[in-house]
């Protein structure tokens, strides 16, 4: 059963690539200090995520694929959880919670594809 011990602290330095668009989503991240920027597959920055927020939510989806590249902006500290541990944690709270979150993420993904078209 996943719990608070399922989270690992990870550190990144300025300009480190945390993950790239198109990669399989293996971890969900919670930004505890610093900020990260999201880059389009073409390398254009389109958003900045500050401390206190999460990124990498595609890891919640079975077979999730990264839709953007994420790069550290300054020194960054995150708490990360693997996709498997995250799924177990969600299931331990409610069997319906996973389905609801997956549906919302899929809907957001479809919206993003339509918005880019």
C-alpha atoms as a PDB file:
ATOM      1  CA  UNK A   1       0.000   0.000   0.000  1.00  0.00           C
ATOM      2  CA  UNK A   2       1.347   3.438  -0.967  1.00  0.00           C
ATOM      3  CA  UNK A   3       1.723   6.116   1.698  1.00  0.00           C
ATOM      4  CA  UNK A   4       3.761   9.224   2.493  1.00  0.00           C
ATOM      5  CA  UNK A   5       6.916   7.085   2.270  1.00  0.00           C
ATOM      6  CA  UNK A   6       6.170   6.543  -1.426  1.00  0.00           C
ATOM      7  CA  UNK A   7       7.382  10.092  -2.139  1.00  0.00           C
ATOM      8  CA  UNK A   8      11.042  10.780  -2.863  1.00  0.00           C
ATOM      9  CA  UNK A   9      12.823  14.132  -2.737  1.00  0.00           C
ATOM     10  CA  UNK A  10      14.558  15.018  -6.004  1.00  0.00           C
ATOM     11  CA  UNK A  11      16.674  18.066  -6.812  1.00  0.00           C
ATOM     12  CA  UNK A  12      17.376  19.718 -10.138  1.00  0.00           C
ATOM     13  CA  UNK A  13      19.737  22.494 -11.136  1.00  0.00           C
ATOM     14  CA  UNK A  14      18.980  25.464 -13.365  1.00  0.00           C
ATOM     15  CA  UNK A  15      18.162  24.384 -16.936  1.00  0.00           C
ATOM     16  CA  UNK A  16      17.994  20.651 -16.096  1.00  0.00           C
ATOM     17  CA  UNK A  17      15.401  18.847 -18.215  1.00  0.00           C
ATOM     18  CA  UNK A  18      13.114  16.965 -15.829  1.00  0.00           C
ATOM     19  CA  UNK A  19      11.301  15.153 -18.630  1.00  0.00           C
ATOM     20  CA  UNK A  20      10.705  15.572 -22.371  1.00  0.00           C
ATOM     21  CA  UNK A  21       7.548  15.742 -24.454  1.00  0.00           C
ATOM     22  CA  UNK A  22       6.695  12.321 -25.871  1.00  0.00           C
ATOM     23  CA  UNK A  23       8.283  10.300 -23.058  1.00  0.00           C
ATOM     24  CA  UNK A  24       6.299   7.775 -21.045  1.00  0.00           C
ATOM     25  CA  UNK A  25       5.052   9.452 -17.860  1.00  0.00           C
ATOM     26  CA  UNK A  26       6.672   7.574 -14.976  1.00  0.00           C
ATOM     27  CA  UNK A  27       6.403  10.091 -12.095  1.00  0.00           C
ATOM     28  CA  UNK A  28       4.157  12.818 -10.734  1.00  0.00           C
ATOM     29  CA  UNK A  29       5.959  15.807  -9.161  1.00  0.00           C
ATOM     30  CA  UNK A  30       5.063  18.272  -6.411  1.00  0.00           C
ATOM     31  CA  UNK A  31       7.240  21.377  -6.547  1.00  0.00           C
ATOM     32  CA  UNK A  32       8.461  22.306  -3.055  1.00  0.00           C
ATOM     33  CA  UNK A  33      10.943  25.049  -4.010  1.00  0.00           C
ATOM     34  CA  UNK A  34      11.922  26.888  -7.140  1.00  0.00           C
ATOM     35  CA  UNK A  35       9.950  26.902 -10.369  1.00  0.00           C
ATOM     36  CA  UNK A  36       9.853  25.011 -13.649  1.00  0.00           C
ATOM     37  CA  UNK A  37       8.894  26.048 -17.131  1.00  0.00           C
ATOM     38  CA  UNK A  38       6.883  24.031 -19.587  1.00  0.00           C
ATOM     39  CA  UNK A  39       8.121  23.900 -23.164  1.00  0.00           C
ATOM     40  CA  UNK A  40       6.233  22.911 -26.285  1.00  0.00           C
ATOM     41  CA  UNK A  41       7.619  20.041 -28.375  1.00  0.00           C
ATOM     42  CA  UNK A  42       9.219  22.813 -30.488  1.00  0.00           C
ATOM     43  CA  UNK A  43      11.049  24.186 -27.408  1.00  0.00           C
ATOM     44  CA  UNK A  44       8.935  27.313 -26.822  1.00  0.00           C
ATOM     45  CA  UNK A  45       8.209  28.165 -23.173  1.00  0.00           C
ATOM     46  CA  UNK A  46       4.454  28.497 -22.629  1.00  0.00           C
ATOM     47  CA  UNK A  47       3.969  28.288 -18.852  1.00  0.00           C
ATOM     48  CA  UNK A  48       5.811  28.590 -15.556  1.00  0.00           C
ATOM     49  CA  UNK A  49       4.892  26.473 -12.544  1.00  0.00           C
ATOM     50  CA  UNK A  50       5.731  27.906  -9.096  1.00  0.00           C
ATOM     51  CA  UNK A  51       6.481  26.137  -5.817  1.00  0.00           C
ATOM     52  CA  UNK A  52       3.388  24.600  -4.232  1.00  0.00           C
ATOM     53  CA  UNK A  53       2.005  23.256  -7.522  1.00  0.00           C
ATOM     54  CA  UNK A  54       2.255  19.871  -9.229  1.00  0.00           C
ATOM     55  CA  UNK A  55       3.247  18.802 -12.718  1.00  0.00           C
ATOM     56  CA  UNK A  56       3.503  15.551 -14.625  1.00  0.00           C
ATOM     57  CA  UNK A  57      -0.096  14.511 -14.028  1.00  0.00           C
ATOM     58  CA  UNK A  58       0.008  12.271 -17.116  1.00  0.00           C
ATOM     59  CA  UNK A  59       1.658   9.725 -14.795  1.00  0.00           C
ATOM     60  CA  UNK A  60      -1.773   9.090 -13.297  1.00  0.00           C
ATOM     61  CA  UNK A  61      -3.018   7.758 -16.641  1.00  0.00           C
ATOM     62  CA  UNK A  62      -2.128   4.181 -17.566  1.00  0.00           C
ATOM     63  CA  UNK A  63       0.345   4.548 -20.432  1.00  0.00           C
ATOM     64  CA  UNK A  64       0.402   8.342 -20.021  1.00  0.00           C
ATOM     65  CA  UNK A  65       2.680  10.258 -22.384  1.00  0.00           C
ATOM     66  CA  UNK A  66       4.297  13.607 -21.607  1.00  0.00           C
ATOM     67  CA  UNK A  67       2.676  16.435 -23.555  1.00  0.00           C
ATOM     68  CA  UNK A  68       5.399  18.984 -22.783  1.00  0.00           C
ATOM     69  CA  UNK A  69       9.045  19.215 -21.833  1.00  0.00           C
ATOM     70  CA  UNK A  70       9.682  20.518 -18.305  1.00  0.00           C
ATOM     71  CA  UNK A  71      12.869  22.406 -17.452  1.00  0.00           C
ATOM     72  CA  UNK A  72      14.132  23.653 -14.074  1.00  0.00           C
ATOM     73  CA  UNK A  73      14.228  27.414 -13.709  1.00  0.00           C
ATOM     74  CA  UNK A  74      16.878  27.937 -11.053  1.00  0.00           C
ATOM     75  CA  UNK A  75      17.491  25.318  -8.365  1.00  0.00           C
ATOM     76  CA  UNK A  76      14.423  23.139  -7.872  1.00  0.00           C
ATOM     77  CA  UNK A  77      13.328  20.650  -5.225  1.00  0.00           C
ATOM     78  CA  UNK A  78      10.383  18.316  -5.809  1.00  0.00           C
ATOM     79  CA  UNK A  79       8.653  15.439  -4.099  1.00  0.00           C
ATOM     80  CA  UNK A  80       7.993  12.739  -6.683  1.00  0.00           C
ATOM     81  CA  UNK A  81       5.883   9.612  -6.675  1.00  0.00           C
ATOM     82  CA  UNK A  82       5.997   6.829  -9.241  1.00  0.00           C
ATOM     83  CA  UNK A  83       2.987   6.147 -11.424  1.00  0.00           C
ATOM     84  CA  UNK A  84       2.491   2.768  -9.732  1.00  0.00           C
ATOM     85  CA  UNK A  85       2.645   4.186  -6.191  1.00  0.00           C
ATOM     86  CA  UNK A  86       0.334   7.029  -7.179  1.00  0.00           C
ATOM     87  CA  UNK A  87      -2.230   4.564  -8.573  1.00  0.00           C
ATOM     88  CA  UNK A  88      -2.056   2.508  -5.371  1.00  0.00           C
ATOM     89  CA  UNK A  89      -2.451   5.638  -3.237  1.00  0.00           C
ATOM     90  CA  UNK A  90      -5.513   6.748  -5.194  1.00  0.00           C
ATOM     91  CA  UNK A  91      -7.087   3.281  -5.007  1.00  0.00           C
ATOM     92  CA  UNK A  92      -6.521   3.156  -1.251  1.00  0.00           C
ATOM     93  CA  UNK A  93      -8.747   6.227  -0.868  1.00  0.00           C
ATOM     94  CA  UNK A  94     -11.518   5.363  -3.324  1.00  0.00           C
ATOM     95  CA  UNK A  95     -11.974   3.040  -6.273  1.00  0.00           C
ATOM     96  CA  UNK A  96     -13.951   5.851  -7.946  1.00  0.00           C
ATOM     97  CA  UNK A  97     -11.302   8.528  -7.428  1.00  0.00           C
ATOM     98  CA  UNK A  98      -8.950   6.989  -9.980  1.00  0.00           C
ATOM     99  CA  UNK A  99     -11.688   6.799 -12.616  1.00  0.00           C
ATOM    100  CA  UNK A 100     -12.724  10.417 -12.034  1.00  0.00           C
ATOM    101  CA  UNK A 101      -9.166  11.751 -12.204  1.00  0.00           C
ATOM    102  CA  UNK A 102      -8.376   9.700 -15.315  1.00  0.00           C
ATOM    103  CA  UNK A 103     -11.517  11.022 -17.048  1.00  0.00           C
ATOM    104  CA  UNK A 104     -10.628  14.635 -16.170  1.00  0.00           C
ATOM    105  CA  UNK A 105      -7.058  14.226 -17.400  1.00  0.00           C
ATOM    106  CA  UNK A 106      -8.199  12.645 -20.661  1.00  0.00           C
ATOM    107  CA  UNK A 107     -10.685  15.470 -21.182  1.00  0.00           C
ATOM    108  CA  UNK A 108      -7.969  18.070 -20.536  1.00  0.00           C
ATOM    109  CA  UNK A 109      -5.667  16.250 -22.942  1.00  0.00           C
ATOM    110  CA  UNK A 110      -8.306  16.310 -25.679  1.00  0.00           C
ATOM    111  CA  UNK A 111      -8.934  20.005 -25.020  1.00  0.00           C
ATOM    112  CA  UNK A 112      -5.207  20.752 -25.375  1.00  0.00           C
ATOM    113  CA  UNK A 113      -5.036  18.900 -28.701  1.00  0.00           C
ATOM    114  CA  UNK A 114      -8.062  20.801 -30.022  1.00  0.00           C
ATOM    115  CA  UNK A 115      -6.667  24.122 -28.802  1.00  0.00           C
ATOM    116  CA  UNK A 116      -3.393  23.547 -30.702  1.00  0.00           C
ATOM    117  CA  UNK A 117      -5.256  22.691 -33.941  1.00  0.00           C
END
